[in-house]
PDB file of N, CA and C in Angstrom:
ATOM      1  N   MET A   1      12.340  20.168  -2.329  1.00  0.00           N
ATOM      2  CA  MET A   1      11.759  20.117  -1.579  1.00  0.00           C
ATOM      3  C   MET A   1      12.515  19.142  -0.162  1.00  0.00           C
ATOM      4  N   GLU A   2      11.971  19.150   0.730  1.00  0.00           N
ATOM      5  CA  GLU A   2      13.010  18.439   1.839  1.00  0.00           C
ATOM      6  C   GLU A   2      11.988  17.320   2.700  1.00  0.00           C
ATOM      7  N   ILE A   3      12.559  16.388   2.931  1.00  0.00           N
ATOM      8  CA  ILE A   3      11.925  15.538   3.914  1.00  0.00           C
ATOM      9  C   ILE A   3      12.108  15.672   5.496  1.00  0.00           C
ATOM     10  N   VAL A   4      11.003  16.066   6.157  1.00  0.00           N
ATOM     11  CA  VAL A   4      11.272  16.655   7.524  1.00  0.00           C
ATOM     12  C   VAL A   4      11.510  15.601   8.219  1.00  0.00           C
ATOM     13  N   ASN A   5      10.408  14.474   8.219  1.00  0.00           N
ATOM     14  CA  ASN A   5      10.504  13.387   9.022  1.00  0.00           C
ATOM     15  C   ASN A   5      10.064  12.044   8.339  1.00  0.00           C
ATOM     16  N   PRO A   6      11.306  11.407   7.743  1.00  0.00           N
ATOM     17  CA  PRO A   6      11.002  10.386   6.860  1.00  0.00           C
ATOM     18  C   PRO A   6      10.302   8.831   7.422  1.00  0.00           C
ATOM     19  N   ASN A   7      10.040   8.989   8.839  1.00  0.00           N
ATOM     20  CA  ASN A   7       9.305   7.865   9.325  1.00  0.00           C
ATOM     21  C   ASN A   7       7.829   8.260   9.731  1.00  0.00           C
ATOM     22  N   ALA A   8       7.235   9.258   9.384  1.00  0.00           N
ATOM     23  CA  ALA A   8       5.853   9.896   9.730  1.00  0.00           C
ATOM     24  C   ALA A   8       4.931   9.123   9.602  1.00  0.00           C
ATOM     25  N   ALA A   9       4.899   7.982   8.720  1.00  0.00           N
ATOM     26  CA  ALA A   9       3.991   6.988   8.284  1.00  0.00           C
ATOM     27  C   ALA A   9       4.338   6.191   7.477  1.00  0.00           C
ATOM     28  N   ILE A  10       3.957   4.740   7.655  1.00  0.00           N
ATOM     29  CA  ILE A  10       4.410   3.822   6.680  1.00  0.00           C
ATOM     30  C   ILE A  10       2.815   3.166   6.109  1.00  0.00           C
ATOM     31  N   LEU A  11       2.938   3.288   4.706  1.00  0.00           N
ATOM     32  CA  LEU A  11       1.836   3.033   4.043  1.00  0.00           C
ATOM     33  C   LEU A  11       1.904   1.778   3.356  1.00  0.00           C
ATOM     34  N   THR A  12       0.898   1.016   3.531  1.00  0.00           N
ATOM     35  CA  THR A  12       0.581  -0.155   2.676  1.00  0.00           C
ATOM     36  C   THR A  12       0.611  -0.018   1.390  1.00  0.00           C
ATOM     37  N   ASN A  13       0.448  -1.150   0.723  1.00  0.00           N
ATOM     38  CA  ASN A  13       0.102  -0.947  -0.698  1.00  0.00           C
ATOM     39  C   ASN A  13      -0.924  -0.802  -1.160  1.00  0.00           C
ATOM     40  N   PHE A  14      -2.134  -0.958  -0.496  1.00  0.00           N
ATOM     41  CA  PHE A  14      -3.470  -0.620  -0.619  1.00  0.00           C
ATOM     42  C   PHE A  14      -3.530   0.755  -0.572  1.00  0.00           C
ATOM     43  N   GLU A  15      -2.845   1.396   0.772  1.00  0.00           N
ATOM     44  CA  GLU A  15      -3.165   2.892   0.813  1.00  0.00           C
ATOM     45  C   GLU A  15      -2.355   3.446  -0.495  1.00  0.00           C
ATOM     46  N   VAL A  16      -1.127   3.338  -0.863  1.00  0.00           N
ATOM     47  CA  VAL A  16      -0.504   3.820  -1.789  1.00  0.00           C
ATOM     48  C   VAL A  16      -1.483   3.813  -3.289  1.00  0.00           C
ATOM     49  N   MET A  17      -2.090   2.589  -3.435  1.00  0.00           N
ATOM     50  CA  MET A  17      -3.136   2.477  -4.485  1.00  0.00           C
ATOM     51  C   MET A  17      -4.328   3.435  -4.652  1.00  0.00           C
ATOM     52  N   ALA A  18      -4.957   3.343  -3.342  1.00  0.00           N
ATOM     53  CA  ALA A  18      -5.757   4.447  -2.976  1.00  0.00           C
ATOM     54  C   ALA A  18      -5.662   5.889  -3.153  1.00  0.00           C
ATOM     55  N   THR A  19      -4.327   6.451  -2.774  1.00  0.00           N
ATOM     56  CA  THR A  19      -3.894   7.860  -3.177  1.00  0.00           C
ATOM     57  C   THR A  19      -3.757   7.945  -4.536  1.00  0.00           C
ATOM     58  N   LEU A  20      -2.544   7.038  -5.205  1.00  0.00           N
ATOM     59  CA  LEU A  20      -2.547   7.077  -6.666  1.00  0.00           C
ATOM     60  C   LEU A  20      -4.015   7.155  -7.719  1.00  0.00           C
ATOM     61  N   LYS A  21      -5.061   6.500  -7.583  1.00  0.00           N
ATOM     62  CA  LYS A  21      -6.206   6.737  -8.056  1.00  0.00           C
ATOM     63  C   LYS A  21      -7.025   7.923  -7.899  1.00  0.00           C
ATOM     64  N   ASN A  22      -6.845   8.594  -6.461  1.00  0.00           N
ATOM     65  CA  ASN A  22      -7.192   9.872  -6.288  1.00  0.00           C
ATOM     66  C   ASN A  22      -6.577  10.641  -6.984  1.00  0.00           C
ATOM     67  N   THR A  23      -5.245  10.730  -7.038  1.00  0.00           N
ATOM     68  CA  THR A  23      -4.308  11.611  -7.834  1.00  0.00           C
ATOM     69  C   THR A  23      -4.451  11.711  -9.263  1.00  0.00           C
ATOM     70  N   LYS A  24      -4.681  10.421  -9.950  1.00  0.00           N
ATOM     71  CA  LYS A  24      -4.944  10.142 -11.275  1.00  0.00           C
ATOM     72  C   LYS A  24      -6.511  11.151 -11.703  1.00  0.00           C
ATOM     73  N   SER A  25      -7.009  10.954 -10.743  1.00  0.00           N
ATOM     74  CA  SER A  25      -8.241  11.721 -11.346  1.00  0.00           C
ATOM     75  C   SER A  25      -8.184  13.268 -11.293  1.00  0.00           C
ATOM     76  N   SER A  26      -7.313  13.453 -10.018  1.00  0.00           N
ATOM     77  CA  SER A  26      -7.241  15.220  -9.841  1.00  0.00           C
ATOM     78  C   SER A  26      -6.004  15.551 -10.907  1.00  0.00           C
ATOM     79  N   LYS A  27      -5.166  14.750 -11.466  1.00  0.00           N
ATOM     80  CA  LYS A  27      -4.160  15.397 -12.109  1.00  0.00           C
ATOM     81  C   LYS A  27      -4.489  15.854 -13.708  1.00  0.00           C
ATOM     82  N   LYS A  28      -5.440  15.375 -14.043  1.00  0.00           N
ATOM     83  CA  LYS A  28      -5.909  15.585 -15.363  1.00  0.00           C
ATOM     84  C   LYS A  28      -6.198  17.072 -15.241  1.00  0.00           C
ATOM     85  N   LYS A  29      -6.648  17.905 -14.343  1.00  0.00           N
ATOM     86  CA  LYS A  29      -6.642  19.269 -14.372  1.00  0.00           C
ATOM     87  C   LYS A  29      -5.518  20.236 -14.359  1.00  0.00           C
ATOM     88  N   HIS A  30      -4.720  19.498 -13.964  1.00  0.00           N
ATOM     89  CA  HIS A  30      -3.122  20.144 -13.916  1.00  0.00           C
ATOM     90  C   HIS A  30      -2.194  19.937 -14.829  1.00  0.00           C
ATOM     91  N   GLY A  31      -2.739  18.620 -15.765  1.00  0.00           N
ATOM     92  CA  GLY A  31      -1.504  18.290 -16.866  1.00  0.00           C
ATOM     93  C   GLY A  31      -0.317  18.279 -16.523  1.00  0.00           C
ATOM     94  N   LEU A  32       0.116  17.257 -15.262  1.00  0.00           N
ATOM     95  CA  LEU A  32       1.391  17.134 -14.859  1.00  0.00           C
ATOM     96  C   LEU A  32       1.931  15.811 -15.685  1.00  0.00           C
ATOM     97  N   ARG A  33       2.642  16.069 -16.855  1.00  0.00           N
ATOM     98  CA  ARG A  33       2.825  14.486 -17.453  1.00  0.00           C
ATOM     99  C   ARG A  33       3.979  13.638 -16.653  1.00  0.00           C
ATOM    100  N   ASN A  34       4.840  14.222 -16.062  1.00  0.00           N
ATOM    101  CA  ASN A  34       5.887  13.429 -15.277  1.00  0.00           C
ATOM    102  C   ASN A  34       4.931  12.456 -13.948  1.00  0.00           C
ATOM    103  N   LEU A  35       4.028  13.085 -13.731  1.00  0.00           N
ATOM    104  CA  LEU A  35       3.217  12.738 -12.557  1.00  0.00           C
ATOM    105  C   LEU A  35       2.076  11.487 -13.136  1.00  0.00           C
ATOM    106  N   ALA A  36       1.699  11.872 -14.376  1.00  0.00           N
ATOM    107  CA  ALA A  36       0.882  11.018 -14.901  1.00  0.00           C
ATOM    108  C   ALA A  36       1.430   9.661 -15.488  1.00  0.00           C
ATOM    109  N   THR A  37       2.935   9.598 -15.526  1.00  0.00           N
ATOM    110  CA  THR A  37       3.761   8.464 -16.077  1.00  0.00           C
ATOM    111  C   THR A  37       3.946   7.860 -14.855  1.00  0.00           C
ATOM    112  N   ILE A  38       4.582   8.553 -13.666  1.00  0.00           N
ATOM    113  CA  ILE A  38       4.992   7.647 -12.385  1.00  0.00           C
ATOM    114  C   ILE A  38       3.643   6.789 -11.794  1.00  0.00           C
ATOM    115  N   THR A  39       2.530   7.737 -11.943  1.00  0.00           N
ATOM    116  CA  THR A  39       1.057   7.272 -11.347  1.00  0.00           C
ATOM    117  C   THR A  39       0.737   6.103 -12.240  1.00  0.00           C
ATOM    118  N   TYR A  40       0.757   6.266 -13.515  1.00  0.00           N
ATOM    119  CA  TYR A  40       0.332   4.918 -14.438  1.00  0.00           C
ATOM    120  C   TYR A  40       1.265   3.581 -13.923  1.00  0.00           C
ATOM    121  N   GLU A  41       2.792   4.039 -14.100  1.00  0.00           N
ATOM    122  CA  GLU A  41       3.438   2.648 -13.966  1.00  0.00           C
ATOM    123  C   GLU A  41       3.362   2.052 -12.797  1.00  0.00           C
ATOM    124  N   THR A  42       3.026   2.941 -11.577  1.00  0.00           N
ATOM    125  CA  THR A  42       2.868   2.230 -10.475  1.00  0.00           C
ATOM    126  C   THR A  42       1.377   1.589 -10.237  1.00  0.00           C
ATOM    127  N   LEU A  43       0.422   2.262 -10.732  1.00  0.00           N
ATOM    128  CA  LEU A  43      -0.818   1.436 -10.724  1.00  0.00           C
ATOM    129  C   LEU A  43      -0.827   0.286 -11.384  1.00  0.00           C
ATOM    130  N   GLN A  44       0.069   0.305 -12.654  1.00  0.00           N
ATOM    131  CA  GLN A  44      -0.188  -0.749 -13.144  1.00  0.00           C
ATOM    132  C   GLN A  44       0.600  -2.052 -12.560  1.00  0.00           C
ATOM    133  N   TYR A  45       1.629  -1.769 -11.876  1.00  0.00           N
ATOM    134  CA  TYR A  45       2.429  -2.640 -10.881  1.00  0.00           C
ATOM    135  C   TYR A  45       1.262  -3.284  -9.936  1.00  0.00           C
ATOM    136  N   LEU A  46       0.758  -2.174  -9.160  1.00  0.00           N
ATOM    137  CA  LEU A  46      -0.086  -2.692  -8.029  1.00  0.00           C
ATOM    138  C   LEU A  46      -1.282  -3.281  -8.063  1.00  0.00           C
ATOM    139  N   GLU A  47      -1.702  -3.116  -9.787  1.00  0.00           N
ATOM    140  CA  GLU A  47      -2.805  -3.983 -10.177  1.00  0.00           C
ATOM    141  C   GLU A  47      -2.562  -5.545 -10.093  1.00  0.00           C
ATOM    142  N   ASP A  48      -1.317  -5.823 -10.106  1.00  0.00           N
ATOM    143  CA  ASP A  48      -0.783  -7.335  -9.978  1.00  0.00           C
ATOM    144  C   ASP A  48      -0.406  -7.645  -8.850  1.00  0.00           C
ATOM    145  N   THR A  49      -0.574  -6.994  -7.877  1.00  0.00           N
ATOM    146  CA  THR A  49      -0.506  -7.422  -6.553  1.00  0.00           C
ATOM    147  C   THR A  49      -1.506  -7.612  -5.544  1.00  0.00           C
ATOM    148  N   PRO A  50      -1.663  -8.371  -4.464  1.00  0.00           N
ATOM    149  CA  PRO A  50      -2.873  -8.675  -3.554  1.00  0.00           C
ATOM    150  C   PRO A  50      -3.437  -7.356  -3.160  1.00  0.00           C
ATOM    151  N   CYS A  51      -3.064  -6.337  -3.255  1.00  0.00           N
ATOM    152  CA  CYS A  51      -3.573  -5.351  -2.541  1.00  0.00           C
ATOM    153  C   CYS A  51      -4.769  -4.598  -3.503  1.00  0.00           C
ATOM    154  N   LYS A  52      -4.853  -5.453  -4.772  1.00  0.00           N
ATOM    155  CA  LYS A  52      -6.142  -4.983  -5.258  1.00  0.00           C
ATOM    156  C   LYS A  52      -7.229  -5.640  -5.069  1.00  0.00           C
ATOM    157  N   GLU A  53      -7.048  -6.446  -4.197  1.00  0.00           N
ATOM    158  CA  GLU A  53      -8.310  -7.400  -3.653  1.00  0.00           C
ATOM    159  C   GLU A  53      -8.800  -6.805  -2.056  1.00  0.00           C
ATOM    160  N   GLN A  54      -7.754  -5.784  -1.774  1.00  0.00           N
ATOM    161  CA  GLN A  54      -7.700  -5.675  -0.458  1.00  0.00           C
ATOM    162  C   GLN A  54      -8.574  -4.296  -0.049  1.00  0.00           C
ATOM    163  N   THR A  55      -9.341  -4.241   1.127  1.00  0.00           N
ATOM    164  CA  THR A  55     -10.340  -3.190   1.486  1.00  0.00           C
ATOM    165  C   THR A  55      -9.799  -2.449   2.582  1.00  0.00           C
ATOM    166  N   SER A  56     -10.023  -1.413   3.244  1.00  0.00           N
ATOM    167  CA  SER A  56      -9.559  -0.606   4.306  1.00  0.00           C
ATOM    168  C   SER A  56      -9.824  -1.563   5.681  1.00  0.00           C
ATOM    169  N   GLU A  57     -11.206  -2.127   5.219  1.00  0.00           N
ATOM    170  CA  GLU A  57     -11.678  -3.046   6.431  1.00  0.00           C
ATOM    171  C   GLU A  57     -10.936  -4.278   6.834  1.00  0.00           C
ATOM    172  N   SER A  58     -10.700  -4.996   5.741  1.00  0.00           N
ATOM    173  CA  SER A  58      -9.896  -6.011   5.926  1.00  0.00           C
ATOM    174  C   SER A  58      -8.310  -5.731   6.317  1.00  0.00           C
ATOM    175  N   VAL A  59      -7.906  -4.680   6.016  1.00  0.00           N
ATOM    176  CA  VAL A  59      -6.494  -4.452   6.612  1.00  0.00           C
ATOM    177  C   VAL A  59      -6.691  -4.110   7.957  1.00  0.00           C
ATOM    178  N   VAL A  60      -7.517  -3.548   8.524  1.00  0.00           N
ATOM    179  CA  VAL A  60      -8.026  -3.286   9.696  1.00  0.00           C
ATOM    180  C   VAL A  60      -8.078  -4.213  10.672  1.00  0.00           C
ATOM    181  N   GLU A  61      -9.057  -5.140   9.933  1.00  0.00           N
ATOM    182  CA  GLU A  61      -9.318  -6.625  10.624  1.00  0.00           C
ATOM    183  C   GLU A  61      -7.858  -7.428  10.764  1.00  0.00           C
ATOM    184  N   PHE A  62      -7.359  -7.424  10.098  1.00  0.00           N
ATOM    185  CA  PHE A  62      -6.061  -8.179   9.890  1.00  0.00           C
ATOM    186  C   PHE A  62      -5.076  -7.395  11.178  1.00  0.00           C
ATOM    187  N   LEU A  63      -4.762  -6.360  10.864  1.00  0.00           N
ATOM    188  CA  LEU A  63      -4.362  -5.654  12.244  1.00  0.00           C
ATOM    189  C   LEU A  63      -4.710  -6.061  13.337  1.00  0.00           C
ATOM    190  N   GLN A  64      -5.741  -6.006  13.878  1.00  0.00           N
ATOM    191  CA  GLN A  64      -6.470  -6.577  14.948  1.00  0.00           C
ATOM    192  C   GLN A  64      -6.330  -7.901  15.545  1.00  0.00           C
ATOM    193  N   SER A  65      -6.188  -8.373  14.310  1.00  0.00           N
ATOM    194  CA  SER A  65      -6.107 -10.285  14.650  1.00  0.00           C
ATOM    195  C   SER A  65      -4.324 -10.379  14.740  1.00  0.00           C
ATOM    196  N   MET A  66      -3.538  -9.733  14.328  1.00  0.00           N
ATOM    197  CA  MET A  66      -2.099  -9.728  14.516  1.00  0.00           C
ATOM    198  C   MET A  66      -1.753  -9.443  15.978  1.00  0.00           C
ATOM    199  N   LYS A  67      -2.665  -8.460  16.695  1.00  0.00           N
ATOM    200  CA  LYS A  67      -2.001  -8.061  17.860  1.00  0.00           C
ATOM    201  C   LYS A  67      -1.393  -9.085  18.790  1.00  0.00           C
ATOM    202  N   GLN A  68      -2.091 -10.304  19.083  1.00  0.00           N
ATOM    203  CA  GLN A  68      -1.713 -11.352  19.854  1.00  0.00           C
ATOM    204  C   GLN A  68      -0.456 -11.861  19.511  1.00  0.00           C
ATOM    205  N   PHE A  69       0.274 -11.731  18.120  1.00  0.00           N
ATOM    206  CA  PHE A  69       1.539 -11.892  18.006  1.00  0.00           C
ATOM    207  C   PHE A  69       2.499 -11.047  18.413  1.00  0.00           C
ATOM    208  N   ASN A  70       2.242  -9.811  18.646  1.00  0.00           N
ATOM    209  CA  ASN A  70       3.404  -8.934  19.155  1.00  0.00           C
ATOM    210  C   ASN A  70       4.533  -8.797  17.938  1.00  0.00           C
ATOM    211  N   LEU A  71       3.793  -8.738  16.579  1.00  0.00           N
ATOM    212  CA  LEU A  71       4.509  -8.653  15.571  1.00  0.00           C
ATOM    213  C   LEU A  71       5.086  -6.850  15.599  1.00  0.00           C
ATOM    214  N   THR A  72       5.818  -6.702  14.816  1.00  0.00           N
ATOM    215  CA  THR A  72       6.548  -4.964  14.412  1.00  0.00           C
ATOM    216  C   THR A  72       5.529  -4.522  13.557  1.00  0.00           C
ATOM    217  N   LYS A  73       5.666  -3.342  13.330  1.00  0.00           N
ATOM    218  CA  LYS A  73       4.969  -2.453  12.337  1.00  0.00           C
ATOM    219  C   LYS A  73       5.216  -3.005  11.096  1.00  0.00           C
ATOM    220  N   ASN A  74       6.725  -3.336  10.899  1.00  0.00           N
ATOM    221  CA  ASN A  74       7.199  -3.641   9.784  1.00  0.00           C
ATOM    222  C   ASN A  74       6.822  -4.830   9.256  1.00  0.00           C
ATOM    223  N   GLU A  75       6.650  -5.850  10.033  1.00  0.00           N
ATOM    224  CA  GLU A  75       6.437  -7.189   9.772  1.00  0.00           C
ATOM    225  C   GLU A  75       4.935  -7.233   9.439  1.00  0.00           C
ATOM    226  N   CYS A  76       4.037  -6.342  10.099  1.00  0.00           N
ATOM    227  CA  CYS A  76       2.778  -6.447   9.853  1.00  0.00           C
ATOM    228  C   CYS A  76       2.559  -5.754   8.317  1.00  0.00           C
ATOM    229  N   LEU A  77       3.336  -4.866   7.940  1.00  0.00           N
ATOM    230  CA  LEU A  77       3.168  -4.245   6.854  1.00  0.00           C
ATOM    231  C   LEU A  77       3.623  -5.281   5.987  1.00  0.00           C
ATOM    232  N   MET A  78       4.679  -5.909   6.116  1.00  0.00           N
ATOM    233  CA  MET A  78       5.364  -7.188   5.008  1.00  0.00           C
ATOM    234  C   MET A  78       4.130  -7.915   4.820  1.00  0.00           C
ATOM    235  N   MET A  79       3.036  -8.613   5.931  1.00  0.00           N
ATOM    236  CA  MET A  79       2.345  -9.374   5.345  1.00  0.00           C
ATOM    237  C   MET A  79       1.327  -8.973   4.798  1.00  0.00           C
ATOM    238  N   ILE A  80       1.009  -7.766   5.046  1.00  0.00           N
ATOM    239  CA  ILE A  80      -0.142  -7.143   4.246  1.00  0.00           C
ATOM    240  C   ILE A  80       0.075  -6.852   2.807  1.00  0.00           C
ATOM    241  N   ASN A  81       1.560  -6.266   2.665  1.00  0.00           N
ATOM    242  CA  ASN A  81       1.828  -6.071   0.948  1.00  0.00           C
ATOM    243  C   ASN A  81       2.043  -7.218   0.435  1.00  0.00           C
ATOM    244  N   ASP A  82       2.704  -8.243   1.031  1.00  0.00           N
ATOM    245  CA  ASP A  82       2.796  -9.584   0.517  1.00  0.00           C
ATOM    246  C   ASP A  82       2.450 -10.885   1.214  1.00  0.00           C
ATOM    247  N   PRO A  83       1.204 -10.953   1.188  1.00  0.00           N
ATOM    248  CA  PRO A  83       0.455 -11.874   2.295  1.00  0.00           C
ATOM    249  C   PRO A  83       0.893 -13.371   1.909  1.00  0.00           C
ATOM    250  N   PRO A  84       1.478 -14.274   2.891  1.00  0.00           N
ATOM    251  CA  PRO A  84       1.575 -15.513   2.393  1.00  0.00           C
ATOM    252  C   PRO A  84       0.788 -16.448   1.878  1.00  0.00           C
ATOM    253  N   ALA A  85       1.086 -17.253   0.668  1.00  0.00           N
ATOM    254  CA  ALA A  85      -0.069 -17.925  -0.098  1.00  0.00           C
ATOM    255  C   ALA A  85      -0.038 -19.452   0.556  1.00  0.00           C
ATOM    256  N   SER A  86       0.681 -19.540   1.643  1.00  0.00           N
ATOM    257  CA  SER A  86       0.711 -21.206   2.082  1.00  0.00           C
ATOM    258  C   SER A  86       1.533 -20.925   3.363  1.00  0.00           C
ATOM    259  N   ALA A  87       1.337 -22.058   4.057  1.00  0.00           N
ATOM    260  CA  ALA A  87       1.928 -22.125   5.580  1.00  0.00           C
ATOM    261  C   ALA A  87       3.368 -22.135   5.516  1.00  0.00           C
ATOM    262  N   LEU A  88       3.920 -22.833   4.349  1.00  0.00           N
ATOM    263  CA  LEU A  88       5.216 -22.629   4.148  1.00  0.00           C
ATOM    264  C   LEU A  88       6.026 -21.049   4.280  1.00  0.00           C
ATOM    265  N   HIS A  89       5.107 -20.328   3.390  1.00  0.00           N
ATOM    266  CA  HIS A  89       5.586 -18.967   3.694  1.00  0.00           C
ATOM    267  C   HIS A  89       5.664 -18.243   4.691  1.00  0.00           C
ATOM    268  N   ILE A  90       4.995 -18.779   5.890  1.00  0.00           N
ATOM    269  CA  ILE A  90       5.334 -18.129   7.345  1.00  0.00           C
ATOM    270  C   ILE A  90       6.022 -18.587   8.174  1.00  0.00           C
ATOM    271  N   GLN A  91       6.731 -19.808   7.799  1.00  0.00           N
ATOM    272  CA  GLN A  91       7.745 -20.281   8.942  1.00  0.00           C
ATOM    273  C   GLN A  91       8.997 -19.998   8.434  1.00  0.00           C
TER     274      GLN A  91
END
């Protein structure tokens, strides 16, 4: 396997979780044990993060509201994946 373009897309934890949930349901047909283990472990981790409560609409709404601050894509991604719990986290 070769990585053609490593920066083709940056995914949020929410998007990764949604993709893995889809993969989890389709992998049962193919019987891929290693994929099952990785999927399970990653989903277990993501269930303990804020992405479990996010929706695609909330992510889009957040990105729209952040445009006024001229943040980079990576800064927005960090705030989506690990949202600040208090004003102190933003400073």
